[in-house]
Amino acid sequence: QTTASAGQRNDQAKGRAARPSSVWEVNRAIILNHIRIDQPISRAELSKRTGIFRSNVSDIVEELITAGLLAEKRAKPAGRGRVPILLSLNGAGLHVVGVSIRRSRTRVALAGLSGDIHATVSFKTPHTPEKVPGRVSAAVKTLRGRCPEIGASPLESVGVSVPGEVDAATGEVRWLPTLPRYTGFPLGKEIERQCGSEA
């Protein structure tokens, strides 16, 4: 028992059977989203709310736990019966960095899978874009120092926000009225290059 995906519908429309891997990926996304919204939640309740077979829920949950995306904790006993194991997003897993570049200041934040921000640092935004990637890389090192629980675990990604137009494919700034010198600069690629060892 599974939930149909857009990919499955496309396969069906083209006369192809849905691939088992695509069904698994869709169900995994559905389960993760339910946990995000309704955490903490048990496997049995996930099966009930999603319509996915209990055995499939358990297999997907075990994969997500192994990947460090979920944490499990035994619920408090409330009378007779089996005490359920409750699942939540692992706030200590899948670390990402967000960079917000504005005319006066640039803020860099470190967050986990749950979306909670662990720590932030800021610095005066340079007038020239060439200085930004190095400053961001230094900020990431500072954030790691403030969050020793992260250890040497890699960052999943670094996201950059600017108040202007950016080529999403290349990371190049197309138009940034508050910081005109940034226009035409490959900001995304340079930050990726500088933070490569961190991310």
Protein backbone atom coordinates (compact mmCIF):
# COMPACT_ATOMS: atom_id res chain seq x y z
CA GLN A 1 0.00 0.00 0.00
CA THR A 2 1.68 3.20 -1.17
CA THR A 3 0.96 6.75 -2.16
CA ALA A 4 1.28 7.58 -5.85
CA SER A 5 3.86 10.18 -6.85
CA ALA A 6 4.14 12.61 -9.71
CA GLY A 7 6.96 10.41 -11.01
CA GLN A 8 4.69 7.36 -10.89
CA ARG A 9 1.93 9.24 -12.68
CA ASN A 10 4.40 10.24 -15.38
CA ASP A 11 5.53 6.64 -15.72
CA GLN A 12 1.93 5.51 -16.04
CA ALA A 13 1.11 8.24 -18.56
CA LYS A 14 4.06 7.13 -20.70
CA GLY A 15 3.05 3.46 -20.45
CA ARG A 16 5.80 2.46 -17.99
CA ALA A 17 5.41 0.73 -14.65
CA ALA A 18 6.41 2.71 -11.56
CA ARG A 19 9.90 1.82 -10.41
CA PRO A 20 10.20 0.34 -6.88
CA SER A 21 12.88 2.92 -6.08
CA SER A 22 10.56 5.81 -6.97
CA VAL A 23 7.82 4.39 -4.72
CA TRP A 24 10.34 4.06 -1.89
CA GLU A 25 11.59 7.64 -2.33
CA VAL A 26 8.08 9.08 -2.36
CA ASN A 27 7.06 7.14 0.75
CA ARG A 28 10.26 8.19 2.51
CA ALA A 29 9.48 11.84 1.78
CA ILE A 30 5.90 11.40 3.00
CA ILE A 31 7.06 9.79 6.24
CA LEU A 32 9.68 12.49 6.88
CA ASN A 33 7.10 15.21 6.33
CA HIS A 34 4.63 13.61 8.73
CA ILE A 35 7.32 13.29 11.38
CA ARG A 36 8.30 16.93 10.85
CA ILE A 37 4.72 18.09 11.36
CA ASP A 38 3.49 15.66 14.04
CA GLN A 39 6.63 14.74 16.01
CA PRO A 40 7.00 12.89 18.25
CA ILE A 41 5.07 10.07 16.59
CA SER A 42 5.15 6.27 16.62
CA ARG A 43 5.61 3.91 13.70
CA ALA A 44 2.06 2.61 14.16
CA GLU A 45 0.62 6.12 14.00
CA LEU A 46 2.71 6.89 10.90
CA SER A 47 1.28 3.82 9.19
CA LYS A 48 -2.24 4.85 10.16
CA ARG A 49 -1.89 8.44 8.94
CA THR A 50 -0.04 7.70 5.70
CA GLY A 51 -1.68 4.44 4.65
CA ILE A 52 1.76 2.88 4.15
CA PHE A 53 2.14 -0.70 5.37
CA ARG A 54 3.63 -0.94 8.87
CA SER A 55 6.52 -3.12 7.64
CA ASN A 56 7.41 -0.55 4.97
CA VAL A 57 7.23 2.26 7.53
CA SER A 58 9.63 0.37 9.80
CA ASP A 59 12.09 -0.29 6.97
CA ILE A 60 12.10 3.37 5.91
CA VAL A 61 12.39 4.58 9.51
CA GLU A 62 15.39 2.32 10.13
CA GLU A 63 17.08 3.72 7.03
CA LEU A 64 16.45 7.29 8.21
CA ILE A 65 17.77 6.52 11.69
CA THR A 66 20.93 5.00 10.20
CA ALA A 67 21.35 8.12 8.06
CA GLY A 68 21.17 10.27 11.20
CA LEU A 69 17.95 12.01 10.18
CA LEU A 70 15.72 10.65 12.95
CA ALA A 71 16.00 10.18 16.70
CA GLU A 72 13.88 7.77 18.71
CA LYS A 73 12.85 7.85 22.34
CA ARG A 74 10.63 5.60 24.44
CA ALA A 75 7.40 7.27 25.51
CA LYS A 76 6.46 7.55 29.17
CA PRO A 77 4.36 4.61 30.39
CA ALA A 78 0.65 5.48 30.67
CA GLY A 79 -0.87 2.34 32.13
CA ARG A 80 -0.86 -1.17 30.75
CA GLY A 81 0.29 -2.15 27.32
CA ARG A 82 3.40 -1.76 25.27
CA VAL A 83 5.18 1.58 25.55
CA PRO A 84 5.65 2.99 22.04
CA ILE A 85 8.91 4.28 20.61
CA LEU A 86 8.41 7.85 19.42
CA LEU A 87 10.23 9.34 16.45
CA SER A 88 11.42 12.91 15.95
CA LEU A 89 13.70 14.72 13.55
CA ASN A 90 17.30 14.58 14.70
CA GLY A 91 18.13 18.20 15.43
CA ALA A 92 21.81 17.29 15.65
CA GLY A 93 21.90 15.85 12.15
CA LEU A 94 22.10 17.22 8.63
CA HIS A 95 23.72 20.55 9.40
CA VAL A 96 23.31 23.44 6.99
CA VAL A 97 24.61 27.01 6.88
CA GLY A 98 22.55 30.00 5.80
CA VAL A 99 24.20 33.22 4.62
CA SER A 100 22.16 36.42 4.41
CA ILE A 101 24.03 39.20 2.60
CA ARG A 102 22.59 42.68 3.04
CA ARG A 103 23.99 46.13 2.31
CA SER A 104 25.31 46.82 5.81
CA ARG A 105 25.84 43.42 7.42
CA THR A 106 26.11 39.78 6.49
CA ARG A 107 24.77 37.13 8.86
CA VAL A 108 25.79 33.49 8.88
CA ALA A 109 23.74 30.90 10.76
CA LEU A 110 24.22 27.21 11.51
CA ALA A 111 21.08 25.07 11.78
CA GLY A 112 20.12 21.42 12.03
CA LEU A 113 17.47 19.27 10.40
CA SER A 114 14.75 20.52 12.74
CA GLY A 115 15.34 24.08 11.54
CA ASP A 116 16.49 25.31 14.94
CA ILE A 117 19.41 27.73 14.68
CA HIS A 118 22.37 26.59 16.76
CA ALA A 119 24.50 29.72 16.46
CA THR A 120 24.97 32.85 14.35
CA VAL A 121 27.76 35.27 13.56
CA SER A 122 27.76 38.48 11.55
CA PHE A 123 30.27 40.80 9.92
CA LYS A 124 30.23 44.07 8.02
CA THR A 125 29.40 43.39 4.40
CA PRO A 126 32.46 44.12 2.21
CA HIS A 127 32.04 46.66 -0.57
CA THR A 128 33.71 44.27 -3.01
CA PRO A 129 32.38 40.70 -3.46
CA GLU A 130 35.81 39.07 -3.67
CA LYS A 131 36.17 39.36 0.11
CA VAL A 132 32.87 37.67 0.94
CA PRO A 133 33.75 33.97 0.39
CA GLY A 134 36.74 34.12 2.74
CA ARG A 135 34.70 35.90 5.40
CA VAL A 136 31.96 33.27 5.10
CA SER A 137 34.50 30.44 5.41
CA ALA A 138 35.95 32.04 8.55
CA ALA A 139 32.44 32.46 9.95
CA VAL A 140 31.71 28.75 9.40
CA LYS A 141 34.85 27.85 11.36
CA THR A 142 33.72 30.17 14.17
CA LEU A 143 30.29 28.51 14.22
CA ARG A 144 31.89 25.08 14.46
CA GLY A 145 33.92 26.31 17.41
CA ARG A 146 30.75 27.46 19.15
CA CYS A 147 29.01 24.13 18.53
CA PRO A 148 31.48 21.40 19.57
CA GLU A 149 28.72 18.79 19.44
CA ILE A 150 28.91 18.98 15.67
CA GLY A 151 32.50 17.86 15.71
CA ALA A 152 33.96 17.13 12.30
CA SER A 153 30.63 16.14 10.76
CA PRO A 154 30.26 17.58 7.26
CA LEU A 155 27.79 20.30 6.33
CA GLU A 156 24.99 19.27 4.01
CA SER A 157 24.93 22.58 2.15
CA VAL A 158 25.44 26.33 2.32
CA GLY A 159 22.56 28.55 1.18
CA VAL A 160 23.10 32.20 0.25
CA SER A 161 20.47 34.95 0.14
CA VAL A 162 20.90 38.37 -1.48
CA PRO A 163 18.32 41.15 -2.11
CA GLY A 164 18.56 40.96 -5.86
CA GLU A 165 18.53 38.68 -8.92
CA VAL A 166 20.71 35.57 -9.04
CA ASP A 167 21.28 32.89 -11.66
CA ALA A 168 20.20 29.82 -9.69
CA ALA A 169 22.16 27.45 -11.93
CA THR A 170 25.53 29.22 -11.66
CA GLY A 171 25.19 31.23 -8.45
CA GLU A 172 26.18 34.39 -10.31
CA VAL A 173 24.69 37.67 -9.11
CA ARG A 174 22.84 39.24 -12.03
CA TRP A 175 21.59 42.40 -10.35
CA LEU A 176 22.09 43.72 -6.82
CA PRO A 177 21.09 47.40 -6.56
CA THR A 178 22.25 47.90 -2.97
CA LEU A 179 25.68 46.41 -3.73
CA PRO A 180 26.31 47.23 -7.42
CA ARG A 181 29.89 45.86 -7.43
CA TYR A 182 28.49 42.37 -6.77
CA THR A 183 26.70 42.32 -10.13
CA GLY A 184 28.29 39.72 -12.42
CA PHE A 185 30.27 38.06 -9.61
CA PRO A 186 30.06 34.23 -9.32
CA LEU A 187 29.24 34.42 -5.62
CA GLY A 188 27.85 30.89 -5.31
CA LYS A 189 30.85 29.19 -6.91
CA GLU A 190 33.37 31.22 -4.92
CA ILE A 191 31.68 30.52 -1.60
CA GLU A 192 31.51 26.83 -2.52
CA ARG A 193 35.21 26.87 -3.38
CA GLN A 194 36.21 28.61 -0.15
CA CYS A 195 33.92 26.49 2.03
CA GLY A 196 34.61 23.24 0.18
CA SER A 197 36.66 21.77 3.01
CA GLU A 198 34.00 22.85 5.50
CA ALA A 199 30.94 21.66 3.57
